[in-house]
Every structure is written in structure tokens, then in C-alpha cells.
Amino acid sequence: MPCPGTIDQFHMPGAPAFAVRRIFIMAIKVPPYYDSMIGKLIAHGDDRKSAIARMNTALSEIIIDGIKTNIPLQQDIINDSAFALGGQNIHYLEKKLGIH
């Protein structure tokens, strides 16, 4: 969900297997009228298991202060055994959030 405010602190994960696509910088004020995806974190791996492990590491290292993010939700998804097995469909998130 969109969260306007000022990004007070940003720390990017350090491993080379991560790609961070961001459109924000520290001390920028995020207005209430914007696309809610202000950045994207991508983890690569030789297989699903290693990519998930790397994403878990990245999510534990990334710091974005000043606005709410969906990092806790992403950590919950990455640590979900059903997600790790793969084969999820478009209703996975609805079921996980209880909004089906």
C-alpha cells in the first residue's frame, strides 16, 4: 500500500547476487500520489532454493526507514514452506492475507 513520507535511511543489501532497482534516494519526500512500487529487490540463484535463501538474506539486510514498506510481508512469504515448494497460483497472496 502507498505510504507517503520521507525516506530517512536506506541501506542496500551487500551481496553481488542482488539487484536493487530503486527510484528513491535518502531524504526524498514520497508524495501521496505515486506508484506504490518505489523500488524492487531481485535475488538470483542457481535454483529456486538458493534464490530464496539469497532473498531471505537480502530482506534481513535491507533498511528503509521513514516510510512503511512491505518487507515484513516479503519475509513472511519467503519463509513460507508452501511458497518454497513452488506451484503457487494467483490466489496464493489472497489466501495468505485472508482476503479471498
N, C-alpha and C. Protein backbone atom coordinates (compact mmCIF):
# COMPACT_ATOMS: atom_id res chain seq x y z
N MET A 1 0.84 -1.18 0.00
CA MET A 1 0.00 0.00 0.00
C MET A 1 0.88 1.24 0.00
N PRO A 2 0.46 2.27 -0.69
CA PRO A 2 1.24 3.50 -0.70
C PRO A 2 1.43 4.06 0.70
N CYS A 3 2.60 4.63 0.95
CA CYS A 3 2.90 5.22 2.24
C CYS A 3 3.73 6.47 2.03
N PRO A 4 3.08 7.63 1.97
CA PRO A 4 3.85 8.85 1.79
C PRO A 4 4.69 9.15 3.03
N GLY A 5 5.72 9.92 2.84
CA GLY A 5 6.60 10.29 3.93
C GLY A 5 7.99 10.57 3.40
N THR A 6 8.95 10.64 4.29
CA THR A 6 10.33 10.92 3.90
C THR A 6 11.19 9.71 4.21
N ILE A 7 11.97 9.28 3.24
CA ILE A 7 12.89 8.18 3.44
C ILE A 7 14.08 8.75 4.21
N ASP A 8 14.19 8.35 5.48
CA ASP A 8 15.23 8.88 6.36
C ASP A 8 16.53 8.10 6.26
N GLN A 9 16.42 6.81 5.99
CA GLN A 9 17.61 5.97 5.93
C GLN A 9 17.39 4.87 4.91
N PHE A 10 18.43 4.59 4.12
CA PHE A 10 18.38 3.49 3.17
C PHE A 10 19.72 2.79 3.18
N HIS A 11 19.67 1.48 3.39
CA HIS A 11 20.87 0.65 3.34
C HIS A 11 20.57 -0.53 2.43
N MET A 12 21.37 -0.67 1.38
CA MET A 12 21.16 -1.71 0.39
C MET A 12 21.89 -2.99 0.82
N PRO A 13 21.30 -4.16 0.51
CA PRO A 13 21.99 -5.43 0.79
C PRO A 13 23.33 -5.46 0.05
N GLY A 14 24.30 -6.19 0.62
CA GLY A 14 25.65 -6.13 0.09
C GLY A 14 26.10 -7.21 -0.87
N ALA A 15 25.40 -8.30 -1.01
CA ALA A 15 25.90 -9.40 -1.84
C ALA A 15 25.75 -9.11 -3.33
N PRO A 16 26.67 -9.63 -4.15
CA PRO A 16 26.59 -9.38 -5.59
C PRO A 16 25.44 -10.12 -6.29
N ALA A 17 24.78 -11.02 -5.62
CA ALA A 17 23.69 -11.77 -6.25
C ALA A 17 22.37 -11.00 -6.20
N PHE A 18 22.40 -9.76 -5.71
CA PHE A 18 21.19 -8.97 -5.60
C PHE A 18 21.20 -7.86 -6.63
N ALA A 19 20.03 -7.55 -7.12
CA ALA A 19 19.85 -6.38 -7.97
C ALA A 19 18.78 -5.54 -7.31
N VAL A 20 19.08 -4.30 -7.06
CA VAL A 20 18.10 -3.38 -6.48
C VAL A 20 17.77 -2.35 -7.53
N ARG A 21 16.51 -2.32 -7.92
CA ARG A 21 16.02 -1.31 -8.85
C ARG A 21 15.27 -0.31 -8.00
N ARG A 22 15.83 0.85 -7.85
CA ARG A 22 15.17 1.82 -6.98
C ARG A 22 15.00 3.14 -7.71
N ILE A 23 13.95 3.83 -7.30
CA ILE A 23 13.71 5.15 -7.87
C ILE A 23 13.69 6.19 -6.77
N PHE A 24 14.25 5.85 -5.62
CA PHE A 24 14.23 6.78 -4.50
C PHE A 24 15.64 6.97 -3.96
N ILE A 25 15.83 8.06 -3.28
CA ILE A 25 17.08 8.33 -2.60
C ILE A 25 16.75 8.80 -1.19
N MET A 26 17.75 8.74 -0.30
CA MET A 26 17.50 9.18 1.07
C MET A 26 17.10 10.65 1.09
N ALA A 27 16.30 10.99 2.06
CA ALA A 27 15.81 12.34 2.31
C ALA A 27 14.83 12.83 1.25
N ILE A 28 14.41 11.95 0.36
CA ILE A 28 13.40 12.35 -0.62
C ILE A 28 12.03 12.20 0.03
N LYS A 29 11.17 13.13 -0.25
CA LYS A 29 9.81 13.05 0.27
C LYS A 29 8.96 12.29 -0.75
N VAL A 30 8.35 11.21 -0.30
CA VAL A 30 7.49 10.40 -1.16
C VAL A 30 6.08 11.00 -1.06
N PRO A 31 5.56 11.55 -2.17
CA PRO A 31 4.25 12.18 -2.13
C PRO A 31 3.13 11.14 -2.04
N PRO A 32 1.92 11.55 -1.69
CA PRO A 32 0.81 10.60 -1.59
C PRO A 32 0.30 10.15 -2.95
N TYR A 33 0.76 10.75 -4.02
CA TYR A 33 0.29 10.42 -5.37
C TYR A 33 1.43 9.79 -6.16
N TYR A 34 1.65 8.51 -5.94
CA TYR A 34 2.75 7.83 -6.63
C TYR A 34 2.42 6.36 -6.80
N ASP A 35 3.15 5.72 -7.67
CA ASP A 35 3.07 4.27 -7.82
C ASP A 35 3.65 3.67 -6.55
N SER A 36 2.92 2.77 -5.92
CA SER A 36 3.35 2.23 -4.63
C SER A 36 4.63 1.39 -4.72
N MET A 37 5.08 1.03 -5.90
CA MET A 37 6.34 0.30 -6.02
C MET A 37 7.46 1.30 -6.26
N ILE A 38 8.07 1.74 -5.19
CA ILE A 38 9.15 2.72 -5.31
C ILE A 38 10.51 2.07 -5.47
N GLY A 39 10.56 0.77 -5.35
CA GLY A 39 11.80 0.04 -5.55
C GLY A 39 11.52 -1.45 -5.67
N LYS A 40 12.50 -2.16 -6.21
CA LYS A 40 12.33 -3.60 -6.40
C LYS A 40 13.65 -4.29 -6.07
N LEU A 41 13.57 -5.36 -5.30
CA LEU A 41 14.73 -6.15 -4.92
C LEU A 41 14.63 -7.50 -5.62
N ILE A 42 15.69 -7.88 -6.31
CA ILE A 42 15.71 -9.14 -7.06
C ILE A 42 16.89 -9.97 -6.58
N ALA A 43 16.65 -11.25 -6.28
CA ALA A 43 17.73 -12.15 -5.90
C ALA A 43 17.86 -13.25 -6.95
N HIS A 44 19.09 -13.55 -7.30
CA HIS A 44 19.37 -14.60 -8.29
C HIS A 44 20.01 -15.80 -7.60
N GLY A 45 19.78 -16.98 -8.17
CA GLY A 45 20.42 -18.19 -7.65
C GLY A 45 20.46 -19.25 -8.73
N ASP A 46 21.24 -20.29 -8.49
CA ASP A 46 21.33 -21.39 -9.45
C ASP A 46 20.03 -22.18 -9.51
N ASP A 47 19.26 -22.13 -8.43
CA ASP A 47 17.97 -22.82 -8.39
C ASP A 47 17.04 -22.05 -7.45
N ARG A 48 15.81 -22.50 -7.35
CA ARG A 48 14.81 -21.82 -6.52
C ARG A 48 15.25 -21.73 -5.06
N LYS A 49 15.77 -22.82 -4.54
CA LYS A 49 16.17 -22.86 -3.13
C LYS A 49 17.27 -21.83 -2.84
N SER A 50 18.27 -21.74 -3.70
CA SER A 50 19.35 -20.78 -3.44
C SER A 50 18.88 -19.34 -3.66
N ALA A 51 18.00 -19.11 -4.62
CA ALA A 51 17.45 -17.76 -4.83
C ALA A 51 16.63 -17.32 -3.62
N ILE A 52 15.84 -18.24 -3.06
CA ILE A 52 15.04 -17.93 -1.88
C ILE A 52 15.95 -17.63 -0.69
N ALA A 53 17.01 -18.42 -0.53
CA ALA A 53 17.96 -18.18 0.58
C ALA A 53 18.62 -16.81 0.43
N ARG A 54 19.00 -16.47 -0.78
CA ARG A 54 19.63 -15.16 -1.01
C ARG A 54 18.64 -14.02 -0.77
N MET A 55 17.39 -14.21 -1.18
CA MET A 55 16.39 -13.18 -0.94
C MET A 55 16.15 -13.02 0.56
N ASN A 56 16.14 -14.11 1.28
CA ASN A 56 15.97 -14.06 2.73
C ASN A 56 17.09 -13.22 3.35
N THR A 57 18.32 -13.44 2.90
CA THR A 57 19.45 -12.66 3.38
C THR A 57 19.29 -11.19 3.02
N ALA A 58 18.93 -10.92 1.78
CA ALA A 58 18.76 -9.52 1.35
C ALA A 58 17.69 -8.81 2.16
N LEU A 59 16.58 -9.48 2.40
CA LEU A 59 15.50 -8.87 3.16
C LEU A 59 15.91 -8.60 4.61
N SER A 60 16.82 -9.42 5.14
CA SER A 60 17.28 -9.19 6.50
C SER A 60 18.31 -8.05 6.56
N GLU A 61 18.96 -7.74 5.42
CA GLU A 61 19.98 -6.69 5.39
C GLU A 61 19.44 -5.32 4.97
N ILE A 62 18.41 -5.29 4.16
CA ILE A 62 17.94 -4.01 3.63
C ILE A 62 17.29 -3.18 4.74
N ILE A 63 17.56 -1.90 4.72
CA ILE A 63 16.97 -0.99 5.70
C ILE A 63 16.35 0.18 4.94
N ILE A 64 15.08 0.42 5.18
CA ILE A 64 14.40 1.59 4.66
C ILE A 64 13.60 2.16 5.83
N ASP A 65 14.02 3.31 6.31
CA ASP A 65 13.34 3.94 7.45
C ASP A 65 12.64 5.22 6.99
N GLY A 66 11.54 5.51 7.64
CA GLY A 66 10.81 6.74 7.39
C GLY A 66 9.46 6.52 6.74
N ILE A 67 9.34 5.43 6.02
CA ILE A 67 8.06 5.05 5.42
C ILE A 67 7.81 3.58 5.69
N LYS A 68 6.56 3.17 5.62
CA LYS A 68 6.25 1.75 5.76
C LYS A 68 6.58 1.05 4.44
N THR A 69 7.07 -0.17 4.56
CA THR A 69 7.36 -0.98 3.37
C THR A 69 6.67 -2.33 3.53
N ASN A 70 6.74 -3.15 2.50
CA ASN A 70 6.19 -4.49 2.60
C ASN A 70 7.28 -5.52 2.89
N ILE A 71 8.41 -5.07 3.41
CA ILE A 71 9.50 -6.00 3.74
C ILE A 71 9.05 -7.10 4.71
N PRO A 72 8.31 -6.79 5.79
CA PRO A 72 7.85 -7.88 6.66
C PRO A 72 6.97 -8.90 5.93
N LEU A 73 6.11 -8.44 5.04
CA LEU A 73 5.28 -9.37 4.26
C LEU A 73 6.16 -10.22 3.36
N GLN A 74 7.14 -9.61 2.71
CA GLN A 74 8.03 -10.36 1.83
C GLN A 74 8.82 -11.41 2.62
N GLN A 75 9.25 -11.07 3.83
CA GLN A 75 9.96 -12.04 4.67
C GLN A 75 9.03 -13.20 5.04
N ASP A 76 7.79 -12.90 5.33
CA ASP A 76 6.81 -13.94 5.66
C ASP A 76 6.61 -14.87 4.46
N ILE A 77 6.50 -14.30 3.28
CA ILE A 77 6.31 -15.12 2.07
C ILE A 77 7.54 -15.99 1.82
N ILE A 78 8.72 -15.39 1.88
CA ILE A 78 9.96 -16.13 1.61
C ILE A 78 10.14 -17.29 2.58
N ASN A 79 9.67 -17.13 3.82
CA ASN A 79 9.81 -18.19 4.83
C ASN A 79 8.63 -19.15 4.88
N ASP A 80 7.68 -19.00 3.98
CA ASP A 80 6.51 -19.87 3.93
C ASP A 80 6.87 -21.16 3.19
N SER A 81 6.68 -22.29 3.85
CA SER A 81 7.05 -23.57 3.24
C SER A 81 6.25 -23.85 1.96
N ALA A 82 5.01 -23.39 1.90
CA ALA A 82 4.21 -23.57 0.67
C ALA A 82 4.83 -22.79 -0.49
N PHE A 83 5.33 -21.60 -0.22
CA PHE A 83 5.98 -20.80 -1.26
C PHE A 83 7.27 -21.48 -1.71
N ALA A 84 8.03 -22.00 -0.75
CA ALA A 84 9.30 -22.65 -1.07
C ALA A 84 9.11 -23.85 -2.00
N LEU A 85 7.98 -24.54 -1.85
CA LEU A 85 7.71 -25.70 -2.70
C LEU A 85 7.37 -25.31 -4.13
N GLY A 86 6.94 -24.07 -4.33
CA GLY A 86 6.57 -23.61 -5.67
C GLY A 86 5.16 -24.05 -6.02
N GLY A 87 4.80 -23.82 -7.26
CA GLY A 87 3.49 -24.24 -7.73
C GLY A 87 2.34 -23.39 -7.24
N GLN A 88 2.65 -22.18 -6.73
CA GLN A 88 1.57 -21.32 -6.24
C GLN A 88 0.79 -20.73 -7.42
N ASN A 89 -0.44 -20.35 -7.13
CA ASN A 89 -1.27 -19.75 -8.18
C ASN A 89 -1.57 -18.30 -7.83
N ILE A 90 -2.40 -17.66 -8.62
CA ILE A 90 -2.67 -16.24 -8.42
C ILE A 90 -3.44 -15.94 -7.14
N HIS A 91 -3.98 -16.95 -6.49
CA HIS A 91 -4.74 -16.75 -5.26
C HIS A 91 -3.89 -16.94 -4.00
N TYR A 92 -2.61 -17.26 -4.17
CA TYR A 92 -1.72 -17.51 -3.02
C TYR A 92 -1.73 -16.35 -2.04
N LEU A 93 -1.50 -15.14 -2.51
CA LEU A 93 -1.42 -13.99 -1.62
C LEU A 93 -2.76 -13.68 -0.97
N GLU A 94 -3.83 -13.80 -1.72
CA GLU A 94 -5.16 -13.58 -1.14
C GLU A 94 -5.40 -14.53 0.02
N LYS A 95 -5.07 -15.79 -0.17
CA LYS A 95 -5.25 -16.78 0.90
C LYS A 95 -4.34 -16.48 2.08
N LYS A 96 -3.10 -16.12 1.80
CA LYS A 96 -2.14 -15.84 2.86
C LYS A 96 -2.60 -14.65 3.70
N LEU A 97 -3.17 -13.64 3.06
CA LEU A 97 -3.62 -12.45 3.76
C LEU A 97 -5.05 -12.57 4.28
N GLY A 98 -5.71 -13.67 3.94
CA GLY A 98 -7.08 -13.89 4.39
C GLY A 98 -8.09 -12.96 3.75
N ILE A 99 -7.85 -12.60 2.49
CA ILE A 99 -8.77 -11.70 1.79
C ILE A 99 -9.42 -12.36 0.58
N HIS A 100 -9.50 -13.65 0.58
CA HIS A 100 -10.11 -14.36 -0.55
C HIS A 100 -11.54 -14.11 -0.53
